[in-house]
Amino acid sequence: MPVPHIRIATFDDEDTLGRLDRVTWSPLHAVTPRPRPPYEPFYNERFGPHDHLVAEIGSEVVGYIRLALPTPLPCNSHVRQIQGLVVADKARGTGAGRALLRAAQEEARRQGARRLTLRVLGHNTPARKLYESEGFVVEGILPEEFLLDGAYVDDVLMGRSL
């Protein structure tokens, strides 16, 4: 499979990203219930196209990463937070996730950030390994923070300097 191309999302990507979000939903990474119709718009007052990078293989969008300010506080504006990373099942193993993660780091640097943080569920071993391989370290754990499918799951806080 060809190497993924990363670009900033556009308004035209909204339906595709919404569909991708719904078909990749899993208790491995989601703390919200499975989406059901009528579906909420993918873009909203908090997040628009400029907050997303997308991965394409050929002309097909196969993933996205959401990069945002962790809070609206000016004293926290030197930090960016990954608030979503999704890769289509058929694109797993192509390097799309790693390419999105690296592009998010570059975009955060371009925006003047000094740190990049994220939260990941403790049982999401594949994501945790990817993040660790890209220089993220565990900075905190909120034990049994979520009750998902009858099991208590840790919320793992990770970060790295840029």
C-alpha atoms as a PDB file:
ATOM      1  CA  MET A   1       0.000   0.000   0.000  1.00  0.00           C
ATOM      2  CA  PRO A   2       1.332   3.509  -0.788  1.00  0.00           C
ATOM      3  CA  VAL A   3       2.632   5.899   1.854  1.00  0.00           C
ATOM      4  CA  PRO A   4      -0.049   8.116   3.424  1.00  0.00           C
ATOM      5  CA  HIS A   5      -0.150  11.815   2.559  1.00  0.00           C
ATOM      6  CA  ILE A   6      -1.010  14.202   5.437  1.00  0.00           C
ATOM      7  CA  ARG A   7      -2.865  17.480   4.962  1.00  0.00           C
ATOM      8  CA  ILE A   8      -5.040  19.903   6.910  1.00  0.00           C
ATOM      9  CA  ALA A   9      -8.727  18.995   6.802  1.00  0.00           C
ATOM     10  CA  THR A  10     -11.255  21.017   4.807  1.00  0.00           C
ATOM     11  CA  PHE A  11     -14.993  21.582   5.182  1.00  0.00           C
ATOM     12  CA  ASP A  12     -15.458  19.043   2.369  1.00  0.00           C
ATOM     13  CA  ASP A  13     -14.002  16.320   4.650  1.00  0.00           C
ATOM     14  CA  GLU A  14     -16.759  16.608   7.267  1.00  0.00           C
ATOM     15  CA  ASP A  15     -19.005  13.746   6.087  1.00  0.00           C
ATOM     16  CA  THR A  16     -16.047  11.433   5.467  1.00  0.00           C
ATOM     17  CA  LEU A  17     -14.551  12.135   8.902  1.00  0.00           C
ATOM     18  CA  GLY A  18     -17.912  11.628  10.585  1.00  0.00           C
ATOM     19  CA  ARG A  19     -18.354   8.262   8.850  1.00  0.00           C
ATOM     20  CA  LEU A  20     -14.785   7.249   9.712  1.00  0.00           C
ATOM     21  CA  ASP A  21     -15.405   8.178  13.347  1.00  0.00           C
ATOM     22  CA  ARG A  22     -18.547   6.031  13.460  1.00  0.00           C
ATOM     23  CA  VAL A  23     -17.142   2.917  11.750  1.00  0.00           C
ATOM     24  CA  THR A  24     -13.985   2.898  13.881  1.00  0.00           C
ATOM     25  CA  TRP A  25     -15.834   3.403  17.194  1.00  0.00           C
ATOM     26  CA  SER A  26     -14.621   0.886  19.763  1.00  0.00           C
ATOM     27  CA  PRO A  27     -14.627   0.513  23.555  1.00  0.00           C
ATOM     28  CA  LEU A  28     -10.848   0.146  23.205  1.00  0.00           C
ATOM     29  CA  HIS A  29     -10.571   3.917  22.751  1.00  0.00           C
ATOM     30  CA  ALA A  30     -14.022   5.498  23.162  1.00  0.00           C
ATOM     31  CA  VAL A  31     -15.536   6.656  26.451  1.00  0.00           C
ATOM     32  CA  THR A  32     -18.744   7.836  24.809  1.00  0.00           C
ATOM     33  CA  PRO A  33     -21.588   5.517  23.767  1.00  0.00           C
ATOM     34  CA  ARG A  34     -21.639   4.076  20.258  1.00  0.00           C
ATOM     35  CA  PRO A  35     -22.983   6.777  17.902  1.00  0.00           C
ATOM     36  CA  ARG A  36     -26.593   6.314  16.799  1.00  0.00           C
ATOM     37  CA  PRO A  37     -28.668   8.268  14.264  1.00  0.00           C
ATOM     38  CA  PRO A  38     -29.358  11.094  14.041  1.00  0.00           C
ATOM     39  CA  TYR A  39     -25.622  11.749  14.014  1.00  0.00           C
ATOM     40  CA  GLU A  40     -24.100  14.925  15.377  1.00  0.00           C
ATOM     41  CA  PRO A  41     -22.065  16.984  12.882  1.00  0.00           C
ATOM     42  CA  PHE A  42     -18.363  16.127  12.977  1.00  0.00           C
ATOM     43  CA  TYR A  43     -17.359  19.790  13.050  1.00  0.00           C
ATOM     44  CA  ASN A  44     -18.867  21.957  15.776  1.00  0.00           C
ATOM     45  CA  GLU A  45     -18.276  25.191  17.680  1.00  0.00           C
ATOM     46  CA  ARG A  46     -15.237  23.660  19.438  1.00  0.00           C
ATOM     47  CA  PHE A  47     -13.519  21.894  16.534  1.00  0.00           C
ATOM     48  CA  GLY A  48     -13.408  22.776  12.863  1.00  0.00           C
ATOM     49  CA  PRO A  49     -11.318  21.695   9.878  1.00  0.00           C
ATOM     50  CA  HIS A  50      -8.287  23.702  11.058  1.00  0.00           C
ATOM     51  CA  ASP A  51      -8.104  21.470  14.184  1.00  0.00           C
ATOM     52  CA  HIS A  52      -7.685  18.281  12.140  1.00  0.00           C
ATOM     53  CA  LEU A  53      -4.994  16.728   9.999  1.00  0.00           C
ATOM     54  CA  VAL A  54      -6.105  13.945   7.677  1.00  0.00           C
ATOM     55  CA  ALA A  55      -4.244  11.007   6.189  1.00  0.00           C
ATOM     56  CA  GLU A  56      -4.953  10.100   2.579  1.00  0.00           C
ATOM     57  CA  ILE A  57      -3.877   7.091   0.590  1.00  0.00           C
ATOM     58  CA  GLY A  58      -4.437   7.925  -3.030  1.00  0.00           C
ATOM     59  CA  SER A  59      -7.493  10.178  -2.883  1.00  0.00           C
ATOM     60  CA  GLU A  60      -9.122   8.320   0.024  1.00  0.00           C
ATOM     61  CA  VAL A  61      -9.154   9.734   3.568  1.00  0.00           C
ATOM     62  CA  VAL A  62      -8.077   6.902   5.867  1.00  0.00           C
ATOM     63  CA  GLY A  63      -7.510   8.707   9.161  1.00  0.00           C
ATOM     64  CA  TYR A  64      -7.367  11.903  11.135  1.00  0.00           C
ATOM     65  CA  ILE A  65      -5.827  13.460  14.216  1.00  0.00           C
ATOM     66  CA  ARG A  66      -7.386  16.303  16.224  1.00  0.00           C
ATOM     67  CA  LEU A  67      -4.978  18.855  17.690  1.00  0.00           C
ATOM     68  CA  ALA A  68      -6.357  21.395  20.154  1.00  0.00           C
ATOM     69  CA  LEU A  69      -5.599  23.716  23.023  1.00  0.00           C
ATOM     70  CA  PRO A  70      -6.094  21.739  26.252  1.00  0.00           C
ATOM     71  CA  THR A  71      -7.758  24.743  27.953  1.00  0.00           C
ATOM     72  CA  PRO A  72      -8.752  28.293  26.952  1.00  0.00           C
ATOM     73  CA  LEU A  73      -6.309  29.738  29.510  1.00  0.00           C
ATOM     74  CA  PRO A  74      -3.546  31.983  28.118  1.00  0.00           C
ATOM     75  CA  CYS A  75      -1.084  30.510  30.651  1.00  0.00           C
ATOM     76  CA  ASN A  76      -1.632  27.091  29.001  1.00  0.00           C
ATOM     77  CA  SER A  77      -1.325  28.257  25.386  1.00  0.00           C
ATOM     78  CA  HIS A  78       2.172  26.746  24.977  1.00  0.00           C
ATOM     79  CA  VAL A  79       0.636  23.243  25.094  1.00  0.00           C
ATOM     80  CA  ARG A  80      -1.312  21.378  22.425  1.00  0.00           C
ATOM     81  CA  GLN A  81      -3.315  18.244  23.095  1.00  0.00           C
ATOM     82  CA  ILE A  82      -4.194  15.371  20.802  1.00  0.00           C
ATOM     83  CA  GLN A  83      -7.923  14.897  21.290  1.00  0.00           C
ATOM     84  CA  GLY A  84      -8.521  12.107  18.807  1.00  0.00           C
ATOM     85  CA  LEU A  85      -6.557   9.816  16.505  1.00  0.00           C
ATOM     86  CA  VAL A  86      -8.442   7.514  14.142  1.00  0.00           C
ATOM     87  CA  VAL A  87      -7.201   5.217  11.381  1.00  0.00           C
ATOM     88  CA  ALA A  88      -9.500   3.077   9.218  1.00  0.00           C
ATOM     89  CA  ASP A  89      -9.095  -0.661   9.748  1.00  0.00           C
ATOM     90  CA  LYS A  90      -8.017  -1.171   6.129  1.00  0.00           C
ATOM     91  CA  ALA A  91      -5.205   1.382   6.571  1.00  0.00           C
ATOM     92  CA  ARG A  92      -3.710  -0.159   9.698  1.00  0.00           C
ATOM     93  CA  GLY A  93      -0.102  -1.124   9.169  1.00  0.00           C
ATOM     94  CA  THR A  94       0.434   1.507   6.448  1.00  0.00           C
ATOM     95  CA  GLY A  95       2.093   4.011   8.770  1.00  0.00           C
ATOM     96  CA  ALA A  96      -0.918   6.339   8.686  1.00  0.00           C
ATOM     97  CA  GLY A  97      -1.158   6.599  12.487  1.00  0.00           C
ATOM     98  CA  ARG A  98       2.549   7.317  12.879  1.00  0.00           C
ATOM     99  CA  ALA A  99       2.470   9.845  10.008  1.00  0.00           C
ATOM    100  CA  LEU A 100      -0.481  11.648  11.625  1.00  0.00           C
ATOM    101  CA  LEU A 101       1.266  11.694  14.998  1.00  0.00           C
ATOM    102  CA  ARG A 102       4.460  13.117  13.497  1.00  0.00           C
ATOM    103  CA  ALA A 103       2.514  15.709  11.491  1.00  0.00           C
ATOM    104  CA  ALA A 104       0.664  16.758  14.655  1.00  0.00           C
ATOM    105  CA  GLN A 105       3.992  17.280  16.408  1.00  0.00           C
ATOM    106  CA  GLU A 106       5.212  19.462  13.536  1.00  0.00           C
ATOM    107  CA  GLU A 107       1.958  21.415  13.449  1.00  0.00           C
ATOM    108  CA  ALA A 108       2.094  21.974  17.211  1.00  0.00           C
ATOM    109  CA  ARG A 109       5.663  23.284  16.853  1.00  0.00           C
ATOM    110  CA  ARG A 110       4.563  25.530  13.985  1.00  0.00           C
ATOM    111  CA  GLN A 111       1.872  26.953  16.263  1.00  0.00           C
ATOM    112  CA  GLY A 112       4.519  27.738  18.885  1.00  0.00           C
ATOM    113  CA  ALA A 113       3.794  24.894  21.285  1.00  0.00           C
ATOM    114  CA  ARG A 114       6.482  23.601  23.620  1.00  0.00           C
ATOM    115  CA  ARG A 115       4.607  20.484  24.761  1.00  0.00           C
ATOM    116  CA  LEU A 116       2.200  17.959  23.297  1.00  0.00           C
ATOM    117  CA  THR A 117      -0.082  15.901  25.532  1.00  0.00           C
ATOM    118  CA  LEU A 118      -2.782  13.264  25.186  1.00  0.00           C
ATOM    119  CA  ARG A 119      -4.994  10.927  27.146  1.00  0.00           C
ATOM    120  CA  VAL A 120      -5.279   7.235  26.309  1.00  0.00           C
ATOM    121  CA  LEU A 121      -7.222   4.420  27.916  1.00  0.00           C
ATOM    122  CA  GLY A 122      -5.024   2.064  29.907  1.00  0.00           C
ATOM    123  CA  HIS A 123      -6.192  -1.034  28.010  1.00  0.00           C
ATOM    124  CA  ASN A 124      -5.378   0.483  24.586  1.00  0.00           C
ATOM    125  CA  THR A 125      -1.981  -1.190  24.284  1.00  0.00           C
ATOM    126  CA  PRO A 126      -1.478  -0.597  20.524  1.00  0.00           C
ATOM    127  CA  ALA A 127      -1.988   3.168  20.897  1.00  0.00           C
ATOM    128  CA  ARG A 128       0.209   3.356  24.002  1.00  0.00           C
ATOM    129  CA  LYS A 129       3.037   1.556  22.194  1.00  0.00           C
ATOM    130  CA  LEU A 130       2.751   3.919  19.219  1.00  0.00           C
ATOM    131  CA  TYR A 131       2.845   6.986  21.466  1.00  0.00           C
ATOM    132  CA  GLU A 132       5.834   5.647  23.436  1.00  0.00           C
ATOM    133  CA  SER A 133       7.700   4.920  20.202  1.00  0.00           C
ATOM    134  CA  GLU A 134       7.225   8.596  19.261  1.00  0.00           C
ATOM    135  CA  GLY A 135       8.692   9.912  22.515  1.00  0.00           C
ATOM    136  CA  PHE A 136       5.594  10.245  24.679  1.00  0.00           C
ATOM    137  CA  VAL A 137       5.949   9.208  28.313  1.00  0.00           C
ATOM    138  CA  VAL A 138       3.372   8.441  30.980  1.00  0.00           C
ATOM    139  CA  GLU A 139       2.990  11.537  33.129  1.00  0.00           C
ATOM    140  CA  GLY A 140       0.087  10.350  35.236  1.00  0.00           C
ATOM    141  CA  ILE A 141      -2.582   7.717  35.646  1.00  0.00           C
ATOM    142  CA  LEU A 142      -6.141   8.220  36.834  1.00  0.00           C
ATOM    143  CA  PRO A 143      -6.938   4.724  38.156  1.00  0.00           C
ATOM    144  CA  GLU A 144     -10.315   3.225  37.222  1.00  0.00           C
ATOM    145  CA  GLU A 145     -11.427   6.581  35.798  1.00  0.00           C
ATOM    146  CA  PHE A 146     -13.993   5.056  33.423  1.00  0.00           C
ATOM    147  CA  LEU A 147     -16.478   2.192  33.668  1.00  0.00           C
ATOM    148  CA  LEU A 148     -16.630   0.689  30.164  1.00  0.00           C
ATOM    149  CA  ASP A 149     -18.504  -2.500  29.316  1.00  0.00           C
ATOM    150  CA  GLY A 150     -18.601  -3.448  33.001  1.00  0.00           C
ATOM    151  CA  ALA A 151     -14.849  -2.998  33.599  1.00  0.00           C
ATOM    152  CA  TYR A 152     -13.008  -0.138  35.254  1.00  0.00           C
ATOM    153  CA  VAL A 153     -10.358   1.357  32.955  1.00  0.00           C
ATOM    154  CA  ASP A 154      -7.463   3.697  33.781  1.00  0.00           C
ATOM    155  CA  ASP A 155      -7.062   7.035  32.020  1.00  0.00           C
ATOM    156  CA  VAL A 156      -3.374   7.421  31.147  1.00  0.00           C
ATOM    157  CA  LEU A 157      -1.956  10.915  30.701  1.00  0.00           C
ATOM    158  CA  MET A 158       1.023  11.089  28.330  1.00  0.00           C
ATOM    159  CA  GLY A 159       3.124  13.937  27.045  1.00  0.00           C
ATOM    160  CA  ARG A 160       6.351  15.004  25.439  1.00  0.00           C
ATOM    161  CA  SER A 161       8.401  18.115  24.932  1.00  0.00           C
ATOM    162  CA  LEU A 162       8.633  19.546  21.435  1.00  0.00           C
END
